[in-house]
């Protein structure tokens, strides 16, 4: 299968959709806690529950989202999710009681959770095995760019002394989601793969079939460890460790987060050239080793033997190395999920992997935060071992993947070398 002009046009709209969706998230999410706890004066406990509601809403809707994408297609599901998120965002900006805030957050969280697997499935439908890595790398780049720009603009609009400024913020986010729904309604998916003959059609049977795919199950276990040991620690355990154990200032913590984003934005496409012609399992294994080095640097920063400047530099380097690993994973994980999915089941597989990610992001702060605050040294050692575990799990996964799944470029290179036309490997199925 080759990339047609229609596929290219659809892909451009999808990438704009990815950027706008994360722009909307960056616009409001960083200010949710302040809005609920201080502006609406509902207290820290309610604000914490609101943040937890986002994770719970995602865990509730994602098991059903995959089946809906398979049955209805990703575009109708995406449009429904965008309208739902817009209604939730607008309601949240107008809410004044704890009950209304929690209900609005649940609606917004449910809509946001479904967007990403739907958009990912649209990318799968508009790409080939050879172009998929680059497409997902661009998606990750635009997502980080959208989050960063959205956060900066949102910060200029809010004023904790005026509730109306937050109402405006959520109203703008709702308008962005509705604008995105109009834009995405113009996308025409060039092909819509159907479920293979003999494949189960009921929701329970399709989940049973997914769980019977040993490679996908291993990838989900690996994905849980990846997200738990990295993303689940960014704004909870690792930041708490940096402030409490390493004595990092809040401004230095902001610098570390900025370094993470900067590495992703600057290195993404340079890393892509290195990654896309190598075995995916080896790339993931390398990420585990890089993150182990990052945790070792974090441990050194907390030892207190060097100057504060050296500790700060080591801590910033920790976040930068995490960013390098993220840049390597973006063109690797999502295309691998797509290539493991039987024909027509990409939506189910994308939603399952998104569910695993959301579960890891929900559990990570709960485990990491208290451990970092009370036992900083065991905290670092624990997650250093988790990172090394990523390397071990990736190597084991590589033994179960076919050559086309583990290194799709190898099949294309072989055909070209023999003088034939480049073709997509038959076993790499969207």
Protein backbone atom coordinates (compact mmCIF):
# COMPACT_ATOMS: atom_id res chain seq x y z
CA UNK A 1 0.00 0.00 0.00
CA UNK A 2 1.36 3.40 -0.97
CA UNK A 3 0.53 6.80 0.48
CA UNK A 4 -2.01 8.57 -1.77
CA UNK A 5 -2.72 12.29 -2.06
CA UNK A 6 -6.00 11.78 -0.18
CA UNK A 7 -4.15 10.03 2.67
CA UNK A 8 -1.66 12.90 2.84
CA UNK A 9 -4.43 15.50 3.00
CA UNK A 10 -6.23 13.57 5.73
CA UNK A 11 -3.00 13.16 7.70
CA UNK A 12 -2.34 16.91 7.67
CA UNK A 13 -5.76 17.57 9.19
CA UNK A 14 -5.22 14.85 11.77
CA UNK A 15 -1.92 16.42 12.84
CA UNK A 16 -3.61 19.81 13.19
CA UNK A 17 -6.22 18.05 15.30
CA UNK A 18 -3.55 16.55 17.55
CA UNK A 19 -1.96 19.96 18.09
CA UNK A 20 -5.29 21.65 18.85
CA UNK A 21 -6.45 18.92 21.24
CA UNK A 22 -3.30 19.12 23.35
CA UNK A 23 -3.32 22.93 23.13
CA UNK A 24 -6.71 22.78 24.81
CA UNK A 25 -5.36 20.48 27.53
CA UNK A 26 -2.34 22.68 28.19
CA UNK A 27 -4.67 25.66 28.30
CA UNK A 28 -6.51 24.49 31.44
CA UNK A 29 -5.04 21.37 33.11
CA UNK A 30 -2.11 23.16 34.85
CA UNK A 31 -4.58 25.50 36.53
CA UNK A 32 -7.26 23.02 37.61
CA UNK A 33 -5.97 22.62 41.15
CA UNK A 34 -5.78 26.38 41.75
CA UNK A 35 -9.21 26.88 40.18
CA UNK A 36 -10.99 24.32 42.35
CA UNK A 37 -9.08 24.83 45.62
CA UNK A 38 -8.66 28.60 45.64
CA UNK A 39 -10.83 30.33 43.06
CA UNK A 40 -13.98 28.29 43.83
CA UNK A 41 -12.82 27.92 47.45
CA UNK A 42 -13.64 24.20 47.56
CA UNK A 43 -10.44 23.17 49.33
CA UNK A 44 -7.40 21.05 48.56
CA UNK A 45 -9.22 17.76 49.18
CA UNK A 46 -11.86 18.49 46.54
CA UNK A 47 -9.18 19.65 44.10
CA UNK A 48 -7.32 16.37 44.61
CA UNK A 49 -10.48 14.38 43.97
CA UNK A 50 -11.12 16.36 40.78
CA UNK A 51 -7.69 15.43 39.45
CA UNK A 52 -8.36 11.80 40.35
CA UNK A 53 -11.72 11.93 38.55
CA UNK A 54 -9.92 12.49 35.24
CA UNK A 55 -8.08 9.20 35.67
CA UNK A 56 -11.19 7.35 36.82
CA UNK A 57 -13.27 8.66 33.90
CA UNK A 58 -10.62 7.47 31.45
CA UNK A 59 -10.49 4.02 33.04
CA UNK A 60 -14.28 3.76 32.75
CA UNK A 61 -14.71 4.83 29.12
CA UNK A 62 -11.60 3.45 27.40
CA UNK A 63 -12.68 -0.24 27.48
CA UNK A 64 -15.80 0.77 25.52
CA UNK A 65 -14.06 3.29 23.26
CA UNK A 66 -12.03 0.66 21.43
CA UNK A 67 -15.08 -1.37 20.50
CA UNK A 68 -16.92 1.76 19.39
CA UNK A 69 -14.00 2.72 17.13
CA UNK A 70 -14.00 -0.76 15.58
CA UNK A 71 -17.78 -0.76 15.00
CA UNK A 72 -18.37 2.88 14.04
CA UNK A 73 -14.97 4.04 12.85
CA UNK A 74 -12.59 6.48 14.56
CA UNK A 75 -14.07 9.70 13.12
CA UNK A 76 -17.60 9.46 14.60
CA UNK A 77 -16.12 8.45 17.95
CA UNK A 78 -13.70 11.39 17.85
CA UNK A 79 -16.45 13.87 17.03
CA UNK A 80 -18.56 12.55 19.92
CA UNK A 81 -15.56 12.82 22.26
CA UNK A 82 -14.87 16.42 21.18
CA UNK A 83 -18.46 17.53 21.78
CA UNK A 84 -18.47 15.75 25.15
CA UNK A 85 -15.20 17.41 26.18
CA UNK A 86 -16.50 20.83 25.07
CA UNK A 87 -19.64 20.45 27.19
CA UNK A 88 -17.57 19.27 30.18
CA UNK A 89 -15.13 22.16 29.86
CA UNK A 90 -17.87 24.78 29.60
CA UNK A 91 -19.73 23.28 32.57
CA UNK A 92 -16.54 23.20 34.63
CA UNK A 93 -15.98 26.91 34.04
CA UNK A 94 -19.48 27.68 35.28
CA UNK A 95 -19.51 25.27 38.24
CA UNK A 96 -19.52 26.62 41.77
CA UNK A 97 -20.30 23.59 43.95
CA UNK A 98 -18.25 20.48 44.64
CA UNK A 99 -20.84 18.18 43.04
CA UNK A 100 -21.08 20.18 39.80
CA UNK A 101 -17.29 20.50 39.57
CA UNK A 102 -16.82 16.74 39.99
CA UNK A 103 -19.52 15.88 37.44
CA UNK A 104 -18.14 18.39 34.93
CA UNK A 105 -14.60 17.05 35.41
CA UNK A 106 -15.86 13.50 34.81
CA UNK A 107 -17.50 14.55 31.52
CA UNK A 108 -14.40 16.48 30.41
CA UNK A 109 -12.08 13.63 31.40
CA UNK A 110 -14.16 11.06 29.54
CA UNK A 111 -14.12 13.12 26.35
CA UNK A 112 -10.39 13.79 26.55
CA UNK A 113 -9.59 10.13 27.19
CA UNK A 114 -11.29 8.96 23.99
CA UNK A 115 -9.65 11.57 21.73
CA UNK A 116 -6.18 10.03 21.65
CA UNK A 117 -7.02 6.42 20.64
CA UNK A 118 -9.43 7.78 18.02
CA UNK A 119 -6.78 10.11 16.57
CA UNK A 120 -4.16 7.34 16.75
CA UNK A 121 -6.45 4.99 14.81
CA UNK A 122 -6.97 7.66 12.15
CA UNK A 123 -3.18 7.94 11.81
CA UNK A 124 -3.00 4.16 11.36
CA UNK A 125 -5.69 4.28 8.66
CA UNK A 126 -3.84 7.04 6.77
CA UNK A 127 -0.34 5.55 6.90
CA UNK A 128 1.67 2.49 5.95
CA UNK A 129 4.12 0.50 8.06
CA UNK A 130 6.98 2.49 6.48
CA UNK A 131 5.45 5.94 7.08
CA UNK A 132 3.83 5.22 10.46
CA UNK A 133 6.88 5.87 12.65
CA UNK A 134 7.38 9.32 11.18
CA UNK A 135 3.67 10.09 11.50
CA UNK A 136 3.59 9.21 15.20
CA UNK A 137 6.84 11.10 15.83
CA UNK A 138 5.25 14.22 14.31
CA UNK A 139 2.15 13.62 16.43
CA UNK A 140 4.24 13.51 19.61
CA UNK A 141 6.14 16.64 18.58
CA UNK A 142 2.92 18.56 17.94
CA UNK A 143 1.37 17.32 21.19
CA UNK A 144 4.27 18.65 23.25
CA UNK A 145 4.29 21.89 21.29
CA UNK A 146 0.53 22.29 21.83
CA UNK A 147 0.82 21.60 25.56
CA UNK A 148 3.64 24.11 25.96
CA UNK A 149 2.01 26.91 23.97
CA UNK A 150 -1.36 26.28 25.59
CA UNK A 151 0.15 26.45 29.07
CA UNK A 152 1.92 29.73 28.32
CA UNK A 153 -1.15 31.44 26.88
CA UNK A 154 -3.41 30.09 29.62
CA UNK A 155 -1.07 31.42 32.29
CA UNK A 156 -1.38 34.93 30.84
CA UNK A 157 -5.18 34.82 30.94
CA UNK A 158 -5.84 33.55 34.45
CA UNK A 159 -6.17 35.74 37.52
CA UNK A 160 -6.83 33.98 40.83
CA UNK A 161 -8.66 37.05 42.12
CA UNK A 162 -11.22 36.87 39.30
CA UNK A 163 -13.30 33.72 38.78
CA UNK A 164 -14.44 35.19 35.45
CA UNK A 165 -10.92 34.79 34.04
CA UNK A 166 -11.13 31.02 34.63
CA UNK A 167 -14.63 30.89 33.16
CA UNK A 168 -13.17 32.52 30.06
CA UNK A 169 -10.32 30.00 30.07
CA UNK A 170 -12.67 27.00 30.07
CA UNK A 171 -14.96 28.65 27.53
CA UNK A 172 -12.02 29.12 25.16
CA UNK A 173 -11.06 25.46 25.65
CA UNK A 174 -14.63 24.42 24.82
CA UNK A 175 -14.53 26.59 21.69
CA UNK A 176 -11.24 24.94 20.65
CA UNK A 177 -12.79 21.49 20.95
CA UNK A 178 -15.81 22.55 18.90
CA UNK A 179 -13.56 24.15 16.27
CA UNK A 180 -11.59 20.93 16.14
CA UNK A 181 -14.82 18.95 15.68
CA UNK A 182 -15.70 21.12 12.66
CA UNK A 183 -12.20 20.67 11.22
CA UNK A 184 -12.14 16.90 11.74
CA UNK A 185 -15.58 16.48 10.18
CA UNK A 186 -13.93 17.42 6.88
CA UNK A 187 -11.45 14.52 7.09
CA UNK A 188 -12.08 11.69 4.67
CA UNK A 189 -10.38 8.46 5.71
CA UNK A 190 -9.07 6.96 2.44
CA UNK A 191 -9.64 3.39 3.55
CA UNK A 192 -11.49 1.76 6.41
CA UNK A 193 -10.09 -1.72 7.13
CA UNK A 194 -12.69 -4.32 8.01
CA UNK A 195 -12.35 -6.94 10.69
CA UNK A 196 -10.82 -10.13 9.35
CA UNK A 197 -13.12 -12.99 8.42
CA UNK A 198 -13.80 -15.18 11.39
CA UNK A 199 -12.92 -12.47 13.89
CA UNK A 200 -15.26 -12.12 16.87
CA UNK A 201 -17.74 -9.28 16.71
CA UNK A 202 -18.93 -9.04 20.33
CA UNK A 203 -17.11 -6.83 22.79
CA UNK A 204 -16.28 -9.69 25.15
CA UNK A 205 -14.98 -11.91 22.34
CA UNK A 206 -12.81 -9.14 20.90
CA UNK A 207 -11.21 -8.53 24.31
CA UNK A 208 -10.66 -12.28 24.68
CA UNK A 209 -8.94 -12.32 21.30
CA UNK A 210 -6.75 -9.37 22.27
CA UNK A 211 -5.73 -11.07 25.51
CA UNK A 212 -4.89 -14.17 23.49
CA UNK A 213 -2.29 -12.17 21.52
CA UNK A 214 0.76 -12.92 23.66
CA UNK A 215 2.90 -10.25 22.01
CA UNK A 216 0.27 -7.58 22.70
CA UNK A 217 -0.09 -8.71 26.31
CA UNK A 218 3.69 -8.49 26.76
CA UNK A 219 3.68 -5.04 25.16
CA UNK A 220 0.93 -3.91 27.56
CA UNK A 221 2.95 -5.13 30.56
CA UNK A 222 6.00 -3.34 29.18
CA UNK A 223 3.93 -0.21 28.53
CA UNK A 224 2.64 -0.19 32.11
CA UNK A 225 6.19 -0.30 33.47
CA UNK A 226 7.30 2.42 31.02
CA UNK A 227 4.55 4.84 31.96
CA UNK A 228 4.67 3.97 35.67
CA UNK A 229 8.45 4.48 35.92
CA UNK A 230 8.60 7.71 33.90
CA UNK A 231 5.42 9.67 33.18
CA UNK A 232 3.80 8.62 36.45
CA UNK A 233 6.68 10.20 38.41
CA UNK A 234 7.18 13.53 36.61
CA UNK A 235 4.89 15.75 38.62
CA UNK A 236 4.65 13.62 41.77
CA UNK A 237 7.42 11.41 43.09
CA UNK A 238 10.37 12.77 41.14
CA UNK A 239 9.50 16.41 41.76
CA UNK A 240 8.92 15.69 45.47
CA UNK A 241 12.26 13.88 45.63
CA UNK A 242 14.03 16.80 43.93
CA UNK A 243 12.63 19.39 46.32
CA UNK A 244 12.89 17.36 49.54
CA UNK A 245 16.00 15.18 49.09
CA UNK A 246 18.07 17.07 46.52
CA UNK A 247 17.15 20.57 47.74
CA UNK A 248 16.10 21.69 44.26
CA UNK A 249 14.32 25.05 44.16
CA UNK A 250 10.91 25.37 42.54
CA UNK A 251 12.44 27.52 39.78
CA UNK A 252 15.03 24.80 39.07
CA UNK A 253 12.21 22.27 38.95
CA UNK A 254 10.55 24.42 36.31
CA UNK A 255 13.84 24.51 34.40
CA UNK A 256 14.02 20.71 34.56
CA UNK A 257 10.50 20.37 33.12
CA UNK A 258 11.39 22.87 30.40
CA UNK A 259 14.55 20.87 29.61
CA UNK A 260 12.43 17.76 29.17
CA UNK A 261 10.17 19.48 26.65
CA UNK A 262 13.10 21.18 24.90
CA UNK A 263 14.90 17.88 24.33
CA UNK A 264 11.74 16.35 22.86
CA UNK A 265 11.13 19.28 20.51
CA UNK A 266 14.76 19.65 19.41
CA UNK A 267 15.77 16.00 19.21
CA UNK A 268 12.58 14.35 17.94
CA UNK A 269 13.37 14.18 14.24
CA UNK A 270 17.12 13.65 14.69
CA UNK A 271 16.28 10.69 16.92
CA UNK A 272 13.74 9.46 14.37
CA UNK A 273 16.45 8.92 11.75
CA UNK A 274 18.38 6.80 14.25
CA UNK A 275 15.36 4.85 15.47
CA UNK A 276 13.26 4.02 12.43
CA UNK A 277 15.74 1.59 10.83
CA UNK A 278 16.50 -0.30 14.04
CA UNK A 279 14.61 -3.07 15.77
CA UNK A 280 11.84 -1.64 17.88
CA UNK A 281 12.54 -3.99 20.79
CA UNK A 282 16.16 -2.83 20.91
CA UNK A 283 15.09 0.83 20.84
CA UNK A 284 12.80 0.25 23.83
CA UNK A 285 15.57 -1.67 25.60
CA UNK A 286 17.92 1.28 25.04
CA UNK A 287 15.32 3.63 26.53
CA UNK A 288 15.26 1.52 29.68
CA UNK A 289 19.04 1.84 30.00
CA UNK A 290 18.92 5.62 29.36
CA UNK A 291 16.27 6.05 32.04
CA UNK A 292 18.33 3.96 34.47
CA UNK A 293 21.18 6.45 33.95
CA UNK A 294 18.67 9.27 34.54
CA UNK A 295 17.61 7.75 37.87
CA UNK A 296 21.27 7.28 38.83
CA UNK A 297 21.83 11.01 38.20
CA UNK A 298 18.78 11.81 40.33
CA UNK A 299 20.24 9.64 43.10
CA UNK A 300 23.57 11.44 42.88
CA UNK A 301 21.77 14.80 43.08
CA UNK A 302 20.18 13.73 46.36
CA UNK A 303 23.39 12.49 48.00
CA UNK A 304 24.43 16.01 48.93
CA UNK A 305 28.17 15.47 48.38
CA UNK A 306 28.52 18.09 45.64
CA UNK A 307 27.56 21.73 45.39
CA UNK A 308 23.96 22.81 44.98
CA UNK A 309 24.72 23.91 41.42
CA UNK A 310 26.00 20.42 40.57
CA UNK A 311 22.96 18.81 42.18
CA UNK A 312 20.67 21.08 40.17
CA UNK A 313 22.56 20.30 36.95
CA UNK A 314 22.25 16.56 37.64
CA UNK A 315 18.54 16.87 38.32
CA UNK A 316 17.91 18.90 35.16
CA UNK A 317 19.91 16.26 33.24
CA UNK A 318 17.58 13.60 34.67
CA UNK A 319 14.57 15.26 33.06
CA UNK A 320 16.49 15.84 29.83
CA UNK A 321 17.38 12.13 29.59
CA UNK A 322 13.75 11.25 30.19
CA UNK A 323 12.89 13.52 27.25
CA UNK A 324 15.42 11.72 25.05
CA UNK A 325 13.79 8.40 25.91
CA UNK A 326 10.35 9.80 25.17
CA UNK A 327 11.52 11.01 21.76
CA UNK A 328 12.76 7.47 21.02
CA UNK A 329 9.50 5.86 22.14
CA UNK A 330 7.10 8.09 20.17
CA UNK A 331 7.94 6.57 16.75
CA UNK A 332 8.22 3.08 18.27
CA UNK A 333 5.37 2.17 20.64
CA UNK A 334 2.28 3.38 18.77
CA UNK A 335 3.34 1.93 15.38
CA UNK A 336 4.12 -1.38 17.10
CA UNK A 337 0.63 -1.46 18.63
CA UNK A 338 -0.81 -0.86 15.15
CA UNK A 339 1.28 -3.61 13.55
CA UNK A 340 0.25 -6.10 16.23
CA UNK A 341 -3.45 -5.43 15.62
CA UNK A 342 -5.39 -7.70 13.22
CA UNK A 343 -7.07 -5.96 10.29
CA UNK A 344 -9.79 -3.60 11.46
CA UNK A 345 -8.89 -3.96 15.15
CA UNK A 346 -6.50 -1.00 15.48
CA UNK A 347 -9.07 0.98 17.47
CA UNK A 348 -9.45 -1.82 20.01
CA UNK A 349 -5.68 -2.20 20.40
CA UNK A 350 -5.07 1.56 20.64
CA UNK A 351 -7.73 1.90 23.33
CA UNK A 352 -6.34 -1.07 25.28
CA UNK A 353 -2.86 0.44 25.26
CA UNK A 354 -4.30 3.84 26.25
CA UNK A 355 -6.08 2.11 29.14
CA UNK A 356 -2.79 0.59 30.31
CA UNK A 357 -1.14 4.00 30.10
CA UNK A 358 -3.93 5.67 32.06
CA UNK A 359 -3.77 2.98 34.75
CA UNK A 360 -0.02 3.49 35.11
CA UNK A 361 -0.48 7.27 35.31
CA UNK A 362 -3.11 6.80 38.03
CA UNK A 363 -1.04 4.36 40.12
CA UNK A 364 2.35 6.06 39.61
CA UNK A 365 1.76 9.19 41.72
CA UNK A 366 -0.03 7.20 44.44
CA UNK A 367 3.02 4.95 44.89
CA UNK A 368 5.82 7.34 43.98
CA UNK A 369 4.76 10.45 45.89
CA UNK A 370 4.67 9.01 49.42
CA UNK A 371 7.73 6.81 48.80
CA UNK A 372 9.81 9.76 47.57
CA UNK A 373 8.79 11.92 50.51
CA UNK A 374 9.45 9.32 53.24
CA UNK A 375 12.17 7.07 51.76
CA UNK A 376 14.06 9.00 49.06
CA UNK A 377 16.98 6.56 48.64
CA UNK A 378 14.78 3.43 48.25
CA UNK A 379 12.57 5.47 45.92
CA UNK A 380 15.42 6.13 43.49
CA UNK A 381 16.73 2.55 43.69
CA UNK A 382 13.24 1.16 43.07
CA UNK A 383 12.69 3.13 39.89
CA UNK A 384 16.24 2.56 38.68
CA UNK A 385 15.45 -1.17 38.88
CA UNK A 386 12.14 -0.58 37.11
CA UNK A 387 14.07 1.08 34.27
CA UNK A 388 16.42 -1.87 33.98
CA UNK A 389 13.32 -4.05 34.00
CA UNK A 390 12.15 -2.17 30.89
CA UNK A 391 15.30 -3.32 29.11
CA UNK A 392 14.72 -6.94 30.13
CA UNK A 393 11.04 -6.89 29.12
CA UNK A 394 11.88 -5.29 25.76
CA UNK A 395 14.41 -7.98 24.94
CA UNK A 396 11.85 -10.67 25.81
CA UNK A 397 9.20 -8.96 23.68
CA UNK A 398 11.59 -8.89 20.72
CA UNK A 399 11.71 -12.70 20.70
CA UNK A 400 7.95 -12.86 20.16
CA UNK A 401 7.72 -10.28 17.35
CA UNK A 402 7.92 -11.15 13.68
CA UNK A 403 10.66 -9.44 11.63
CA UNK A 404 8.01 -7.21 9.98
CA UNK A 405 6.64 -6.15 13.37
CA UNK A 406 10.03 -5.57 14.96
CA UNK A 407 11.75 -3.90 12.02
CA UNK A 408 9.30 -3.05 9.21
CA UNK A 409 11.96 -1.27 7.17
CA UNK A 410 13.94 -4.51 6.80
CA UNK A 411 11.33 -6.10 4.54
CA UNK A 412 11.14 -2.99 2.35
CA UNK A 413 14.92 -2.80 2.05
CA UNK A 414 15.13 -6.45 1.01
CA UNK A 415 12.57 -6.02 -1.78
CA UNK A 416 14.25 -2.88 -3.10
CA UNK A 417 17.65 -4.59 -3.03
CA UNK A 418 16.27 -7.36 -5.22
CA UNK A 419 15.09 -4.80 -7.76
CA UNK A 420 11.37 -5.03 -7.09
CA UNK A 421 8.98 -2.29 -6.02
CA UNK A 422 8.84 -1.33 -2.37
CA UNK A 423 5.85 -2.94 -0.74
CA UNK A 424 4.36 -3.08 2.71
CA UNK A 425 5.08 -6.39 4.49
CA UNK A 426 2.00 -8.55 4.44
CA UNK A 427 2.20 -9.38 8.12
CA UNK A 428 2.22 -5.74 9.21
CA UNK A 429 -1.47 -5.12 9.58
CA UNK A 430 -3.32 -2.00 10.64
